[in-house]
Amino acid sequence: MTLDRDTINNILLFTITAIGAVSAAMWLGLILWTWRDMRQRSRDALAQIAAALMVAVLGIFGIIIYVMLRPQETLSEAYERSLEEEALLQNIEDKPVCPGCGRPIKDDWQVCPYCHTKLRKPCTNCGQMLELPWNLCPYCAASQVQPGQAGQRPRRSVAAQLGEQPAPPPAFEPTEQEAVEFIDDDTY
């Protein structure tokens, strides 16, 4: 069985056409893949077009260059990473620590269980936990300084310290619309 010249030409033409069609499909596929990949990695339209044109002009060499130069992470990966970093920073900032040993503590602890540093004191009236420097309970308005406590001196005005007679305060008469409550103790 011998093949004539027309049959060989037809087989060769069919093979070249098939190889060309596959090559063209691969070339267009690489251009489309590059454009889509760059859209996921950058919002810059010029960068997306430039990457697709580079692959269109240089073919397989363009795709190699693109893979070497493209941004490492996609926009969604960068967003997720920033959310994770923000959550970690928020966790770090929200946790109170002991001023003595630096270990994490809870807001309602009176002393640090690790180093026994006094963290808060209970109110003498209602029992709510107060910061150490507070001399007045913000919950029940009870004074935390006992009369005659050691180391406590009554406050004096600047005029009294200089030996001058203090000027009388201006008269104030609240109206019925103004409700004013005064706390007698000024040790806070």
C-alpha atoms as a PDB file:
ATOM      1  CA  MET A   1       0.000   0.000   0.000  1.00  0.00           C
ATOM      2  CA  THR A   2       1.550   3.146  -1.143  1.00  0.00           C
ATOM      3  CA  LEU A   3       0.611   6.628  -0.109  1.00  0.00           C
ATOM      4  CA  ASP A   4       0.234   9.114  -2.818  1.00  0.00           C
ATOM      5  CA  ARG A   5       1.351  12.693  -2.645  1.00  0.00           C
ATOM      6  CA  ASP A   6      -2.146  14.144  -1.955  1.00  0.00           C
ATOM      7  CA  THR A   7      -2.718  11.904   1.044  1.00  0.00           C
ATOM      8  CA  ILE A   8       0.638  12.860   2.574  1.00  0.00           C
ATOM      9  CA  ASN A   9      -0.123  16.541   1.994  1.00  0.00           C
ATOM     10  CA  ASN A  10      -3.551  16.159   3.635  1.00  0.00           C
ATOM     11  CA  ILE A  11      -2.085  14.366   6.687  1.00  0.00           C
ATOM     12  CA  LEU A  12       0.679  16.974   6.986  1.00  0.00           C
ATOM     13  CA  LEU A  13      -1.823  19.835   6.609  1.00  0.00           C
ATOM     14  CA  PHE A  14      -4.129  18.300   9.228  1.00  0.00           C
ATOM     15  CA  THR A  15      -1.197  17.821  11.670  1.00  0.00           C
ATOM     16  CA  ILE A  16       0.078  21.389  11.211  1.00  0.00           C
ATOM     17  CA  THR A  17      -3.450  22.771  11.602  1.00  0.00           C
ATOM     18  CA  ALA A  18      -4.001  20.771  14.813  1.00  0.00           C
ATOM     19  CA  ILE A  19      -0.647  21.876  16.258  1.00  0.00           C
ATOM     20  CA  GLY A  20      -1.408  25.500  15.329  1.00  0.00           C
ATOM     21  CA  ALA A  21      -4.884  25.354  16.874  1.00  0.00           C
ATOM     22  CA  VAL A  22      -3.516  23.855  20.109  1.00  0.00           C
ATOM     23  CA  SER A  23      -0.704  26.434  20.183  1.00  0.00           C
ATOM     24  CA  ALA A  24      -3.153  29.303  19.614  1.00  0.00           C
ATOM     25  CA  ALA A  25      -5.473  27.963  22.331  1.00  0.00           C
ATOM     26  CA  MET A  26      -2.535  27.648  24.765  1.00  0.00           C
ATOM     27  CA  TRP A  27      -1.338  31.169  23.882  1.00  0.00           C
ATOM     28  CA  LEU A  28      -4.810  32.662  24.454  1.00  0.00           C
ATOM     29  CA  GLY A  29      -5.204  30.593  27.625  1.00  0.00           C
ATOM     30  CA  LEU A  30      -1.905  31.923  29.014  1.00  0.00           C
ATOM     31  CA  ILE A  31      -2.970  35.495  28.234  1.00  0.00           C
ATOM     32  CA  LEU A  32      -6.336  34.984  29.932  1.00  0.00           C
ATOM     33  CA  TRP A  33      -4.747  33.243  32.950  1.00  0.00           C
ATOM     34  CA  THR A  34      -2.212  36.061  33.325  1.00  0.00           C
ATOM     35  CA  TRP A  35      -4.903  38.730  33.172  1.00  0.00           C
ATOM     36  CA  ARG A  36      -7.097  36.931  35.742  1.00  0.00           C
ATOM     37  CA  ASP A  37      -4.162  36.203  38.051  1.00  0.00           C
ATOM     38  CA  MET A  38      -3.030  39.821  37.928  1.00  0.00           C
ATOM     39  CA  ARG A  39      -6.606  40.983  38.670  1.00  0.00           C
ATOM     40  CA  GLN A  40      -6.480  38.925  41.879  1.00  0.00           C
ATOM     41  CA  ARG A  41      -3.118  40.429  42.849  1.00  0.00           C
ATOM     42  CA  SER A  42      -3.488  44.112  41.944  1.00  0.00           C
ATOM     43  CA  ARG A  43      -6.195  46.733  41.580  1.00  0.00           C
ATOM     44  CA  ASP A  44      -4.108  48.687  39.092  1.00  0.00           C
ATOM     45  CA  ALA A  45      -5.714  48.295  35.649  1.00  0.00           C
ATOM     46  CA  LEU A  46      -2.512  49.379  33.893  1.00  0.00           C
ATOM     47  CA  ALA A  47      -0.540  46.596  35.598  1.00  0.00           C
ATOM     48  CA  GLN A  48      -3.184  44.042  34.582  1.00  0.00           C
ATOM     49  CA  ILE A  49      -3.055  45.127  30.935  1.00  0.00           C
ATOM     50  CA  ALA A  50       0.749  45.314  30.889  1.00  0.00           C
ATOM     51  CA  ALA A  51       1.087  41.770  32.279  1.00  0.00           C
ATOM     52  CA  ALA A  52      -1.363  40.378  29.703  1.00  0.00           C
ATOM     53  CA  LEU A  53       0.385  42.226  26.846  1.00  0.00           C
ATOM     54  CA  MET A  54       3.785  40.968  27.981  1.00  0.00           C
ATOM     55  CA  VAL A  55       2.537  37.373  27.791  1.00  0.00           C
ATOM     56  CA  ALA A  56       0.808  38.059  24.458  1.00  0.00           C
ATOM     57  CA  VAL A  57       3.988  39.439  22.884  1.00  0.00           C
ATOM     58  CA  LEU A  58       6.624  37.191  24.477  1.00  0.00           C
ATOM     59  CA  GLY A  59       4.585  34.003  24.782  1.00  0.00           C
ATOM     60  CA  ILE A  60       6.086  31.381  27.090  1.00  0.00           C
ATOM     61  CA  PHE A  61       8.992  33.684  27.966  1.00  0.00           C
ATOM     62  CA  GLY A  62       6.482  36.359  28.974  1.00  0.00           C
ATOM     63  CA  ILE A  63       4.736  33.957  31.344  1.00  0.00           C
ATOM     64  CA  ILE A  64       8.072  33.032  32.929  1.00  0.00           C
ATOM     65  CA  ILE A  65       8.904  36.711  33.450  1.00  0.00           C
ATOM     66  CA  TYR A  66       5.402  37.377  34.805  1.00  0.00           C
ATOM     67  CA  VAL A  67       5.633  34.537  37.349  1.00  0.00           C
ATOM     68  CA  MET A  68       8.975  35.888  38.568  1.00  0.00           C
ATOM     69  CA  LEU A  69       7.746  39.499  38.880  1.00  0.00           C
ATOM     70  CA  ARG A  70       4.134  39.148  40.028  1.00  0.00           C
ATOM     71  CA  PRO A  71       3.088  40.129  43.596  1.00  0.00           C
ATOM     72  CA  GLN A  72       3.502  37.266  46.041  1.00  0.00           C
ATOM     73  CA  GLU A  73       0.031  37.320  47.556  1.00  0.00           C
ATOM     74  CA  THR A  74      -3.422  37.976  46.216  1.00  0.00           C
ATOM     75  CA  LEU A  75      -5.554  40.857  47.445  1.00  0.00           C
ATOM     76  CA  SER A  76      -7.756  38.483  49.449  1.00  0.00           C
ATOM     77  CA  GLU A  77      -4.693  36.880  51.090  1.00  0.00           C
ATOM     78  CA  ALA A  78      -3.342  40.326  51.984  1.00  0.00           C
ATOM     79  CA  TYR A  79      -6.722  41.306  53.450  1.00  0.00           C
ATOM     80  CA  GLU A  80      -6.934  38.095  55.511  1.00  0.00           C
ATOM     81  CA  ARG A  81      -3.366  38.622  56.758  1.00  0.00           C
ATOM     82  CA  SER A  82      -4.162  42.189  57.816  1.00  0.00           C
ATOM     83  CA  LEU A  83      -7.275  40.974  59.653  1.00  0.00           C
ATOM     84  CA  GLU A  84      -5.214  38.340  61.475  1.00  0.00           C
ATOM     85  CA  GLU A  85      -2.588  40.921  62.444  1.00  0.00           C
ATOM     86  CA  GLU A  86      -5.267  43.303  63.681  1.00  0.00           C
ATOM     87  CA  ALA A  87      -6.912  40.553  65.734  1.00  0.00           C
ATOM     88  CA  LEU A  88      -3.564  39.590  67.274  1.00  0.00           C
ATOM     89  CA  LEU A  89      -2.771  43.214  68.130  1.00  0.00           C
ATOM     90  CA  GLN A  90      -6.214  43.653  69.651  1.00  0.00           C
ATOM     91  CA  ASN A  91      -5.730  40.543  71.800  1.00  0.00           C
ATOM     92  CA  ILE A  92      -2.366  41.838  72.981  1.00  0.00           C
ATOM     93  CA  GLU A  93      -3.718  45.306  73.812  1.00  0.00           C
ATOM     94  CA  ASP A  94      -6.870  44.127  75.580  1.00  0.00           C
ATOM     95  CA  LYS A  95      -5.245  41.887  78.176  1.00  0.00           C
ATOM     96  CA  PRO A  96      -4.258  43.679  81.396  1.00  0.00           C
ATOM     97  CA  VAL A  97      -0.938  42.670  82.927  1.00  0.00           C
ATOM     98  CA  CYS A  98       0.434  42.773  86.450  1.00  0.00           C
ATOM     99  CA  PRO A  99       2.690  45.791  87.060  1.00  0.00           C
ATOM    100  CA  GLY A 100       4.930  43.622  89.243  1.00  0.00           C
ATOM    101  CA  CYS A 101       5.633  40.565  87.111  1.00  0.00           C
ATOM    102  CA  GLY A 102       4.057  41.383  83.706  1.00  0.00           C
ATOM    103  CA  ARG A 103       1.874  38.271  83.602  1.00  0.00           C
ATOM    104  CA  PRO A 104      -1.743  38.458  82.404  1.00  0.00           C
ATOM    105  CA  ILE A 105      -4.333  39.267  85.097  1.00  0.00           C
ATOM    106  CA  LYS A 106      -8.101  39.630  85.263  1.00  0.00           C
ATOM    107  CA  ASP A 107      -9.927  42.868  85.962  1.00  0.00           C
ATOM    108  CA  ASP A 108     -11.590  41.628  89.140  1.00  0.00           C
ATOM    109  CA  TRP A 109      -8.463  40.290  90.882  1.00  0.00           C
ATOM    110  CA  GLN A 110      -7.417  41.965  94.120  1.00  0.00           C
ATOM    111  CA  VAL A 111      -3.827  40.629  94.087  1.00  0.00           C
ATOM    112  CA  CYS A 112      -1.613  38.979  91.480  1.00  0.00           C
ATOM    113  CA  PRO A 113      -1.551  35.222  92.166  1.00  0.00           C
ATOM    114  CA  TYR A 114       1.995  34.966  90.813  1.00  0.00           C
ATOM    115  CA  CYS A 115       3.922  37.730  92.594  1.00  0.00           C
ATOM    116  CA  HIS A 116       1.342  38.799  95.228  1.00  0.00           C
ATOM    117  CA  THR A 117       1.352  42.443  94.079  1.00  0.00           C
ATOM    118  CA  LYS A 118      -1.732  44.309  95.327  1.00  0.00           C
ATOM    119  CA  LEU A 119      -3.743  45.280  92.232  1.00  0.00           C
ATOM    120  CA  ARG A 120      -7.022  46.696  93.608  1.00  0.00           C
ATOM    121  CA  LYS A 121      -8.750  47.342  96.899  1.00  0.00           C
ATOM    122  CA  PRO A 122     -12.364  46.654  97.875  1.00  0.00           C
ATOM    123  CA  CYS A 123     -14.666  49.564  98.696  1.00  0.00           C
ATOM    124  CA  THR A 124     -15.232  49.897 102.449  1.00  0.00           C
ATOM    125  CA  ASN A 125     -18.956  50.411 101.862  1.00  0.00           C
ATOM    126  CA  CYS A 126     -20.161  48.375  98.850  1.00  0.00           C
ATOM    127  CA  GLY A 127     -17.251  45.961  98.276  1.00  0.00           C
ATOM    128  CA  GLN A 128     -16.699  46.840  94.595  1.00  0.00           C
ATOM    129  CA  MET A 129     -13.079  46.590  93.446  1.00  0.00           C
ATOM    130  CA  LEU A 130     -11.379  50.000  93.162  1.00  0.00           C
ATOM    131  CA  GLU A 131      -8.075  51.157  91.734  1.00  0.00           C
ATOM    132  CA  LEU A 132      -5.464  51.704  94.452  1.00  0.00           C
ATOM    133  CA  PRO A 133      -5.167  55.518  94.164  1.00  0.00           C
ATOM    134  CA  TRP A 134      -8.939  56.102  94.321  1.00  0.00           C
ATOM    135  CA  ASN A 135     -10.117  57.747  97.552  1.00  0.00           C
ATOM    136  CA  LEU A 136     -13.786  57.805  96.574  1.00  0.00           C
ATOM    137  CA  CYS A 137     -15.865  54.886  95.368  1.00  0.00           C
ATOM    138  CA  PRO A 138     -17.441  55.672  91.964  1.00  0.00           C
ATOM    139  CA  TYR A 139     -20.200  53.095  92.640  1.00  0.00           C
ATOM    140  CA  CYS A 140     -21.545  54.265  96.014  1.00  0.00           C
ATOM    141  CA  ALA A 141     -19.667  57.603  96.535  1.00  0.00           C
ATOM    142  CA  ALA A 142     -18.276  56.430  99.879  1.00  0.00           C
ATOM    143  CA  SER A 143     -15.004  57.903 101.053  1.00  0.00           C
ATOM    144  CA  GLN A 144     -12.162  55.401 101.193  1.00  0.00           C
ATOM    145  CA  VAL A 145      -9.987  57.470 103.549  1.00  0.00           C
ATOM    146  CA  GLN A 146     -10.712  56.928 107.236  1.00  0.00           C
ATOM    147  CA  PRO A 147     -10.519  59.969 109.520  1.00  0.00           C
ATOM    148  CA  GLY A 148      -7.214  60.084 111.397  1.00  0.00           C
ATOM    149  CA  GLN A 149      -5.517  57.648 109.013  1.00  0.00           C
ATOM    150  CA  ALA A 150      -1.730  57.712 109.370  1.00  0.00           C
ATOM    151  CA  GLY A 151       0.034  59.826 106.778  1.00  0.00           C
ATOM    152  CA  GLN A 152      -3.102  61.749 105.795  1.00  0.00           C
ATOM    153  CA  ARG A 153      -3.037  65.521 106.194  1.00  0.00           C
ATOM    154  CA  PRO A 154      -6.068  67.708 105.574  1.00  0.00           C
ATOM    155  CA  ARG A 155      -5.826  69.736 102.398  1.00  0.00           C
ATOM    156  CA  ARG A 156      -5.253  73.440 102.756  1.00  0.00           C
ATOM    157  CA  SER A 157      -5.798  76.118 100.188  1.00  0.00           C
ATOM    158  CA  VAL A 158      -2.923  78.124  98.739  1.00  0.00           C
ATOM    159  CA  ALA A 159      -4.149  81.219 100.601  1.00  0.00           C
ATOM    160  CA  ALA A 160      -4.146  79.331 103.913  1.00  0.00           C
ATOM    161  CA  GLN A 161      -0.637  78.037 103.245  1.00  0.00           C
ATOM    162  CA  LEU A 162       0.578  81.621 102.702  1.00  0.00           C
ATOM    163  CA  GLY A 163      -1.172  82.809 105.876  1.00  0.00           C
ATOM    164  CA  GLU A 164      -3.684  84.955 104.017  1.00  0.00           C
ATOM    165  CA  GLN A 165      -7.381  85.116 104.656  1.00  0.00           C
ATOM    166  CA  PRO A 166      -9.222  83.246 101.870  1.00  0.00           C
ATOM    167  CA  ALA A 167     -11.815  85.173  99.891  1.00  0.00           C
ATOM    168  CA  PRO A 168     -15.380  83.986 100.419  1.00  0.00           C
ATOM    169  CA  PRO A 169     -16.795  81.928  97.535  1.00  0.00           C
ATOM    170  CA  PRO A 170     -19.396  83.587  95.325  1.00  0.00           C
ATOM    171  CA  ALA A 171     -23.003  82.995  96.322  1.00  0.00           C
ATOM    172  CA  PHE A 172     -24.714  80.233  94.391  1.00  0.00           C
ATOM    173  CA  GLU A 173     -28.361  79.428  94.619  1.00  0.00           C
ATOM    174  CA  PRO A 174     -29.550  76.534  92.445  1.00  0.00           C
ATOM    175  CA  THR A 175     -32.923  76.832  90.796  1.00  0.00           C
ATOM    176  CA  GLU A 176     -35.508  74.078  90.903  1.00  0.00           C
ATOM    177  CA  GLN A 177     -34.419  72.916  87.442  1.00  0.00           C
ATOM    178  CA  GLU A 178     -30.816  72.404  88.511  1.00  0.00           C
ATOM    179  CA  ALA A 179     -30.256  69.362  90.681  1.00  0.00           C
ATOM    180  CA  VAL A 180     -26.841  69.592  92.327  1.00  0.00           C
ATOM    181  CA  GLU A 181     -25.476  67.048  94.761  1.00  0.00           C
ATOM    182  CA  PHE A 182     -22.394  67.857  96.799  1.00  0.00           C
ATOM    183  CA  ILE A 183     -20.096  65.391  98.456  1.00  0.00           C
ATOM    184  CA  ASP A 184     -18.839  66.715 101.793  1.00  0.00           C
ATOM    185  CA  ASP A 185     -15.482  64.932 101.784  1.00  0.00           C
ATOM    186  CA  ASP A 186     -12.791  66.657  99.700  1.00  0.00           C
ATOM    187  CA  THR A 187      -9.990  64.112 100.256  1.00  0.00           C
ATOM    188  CA  TYR A 188     -10.210  62.685  96.786  1.00  0.00           C
END
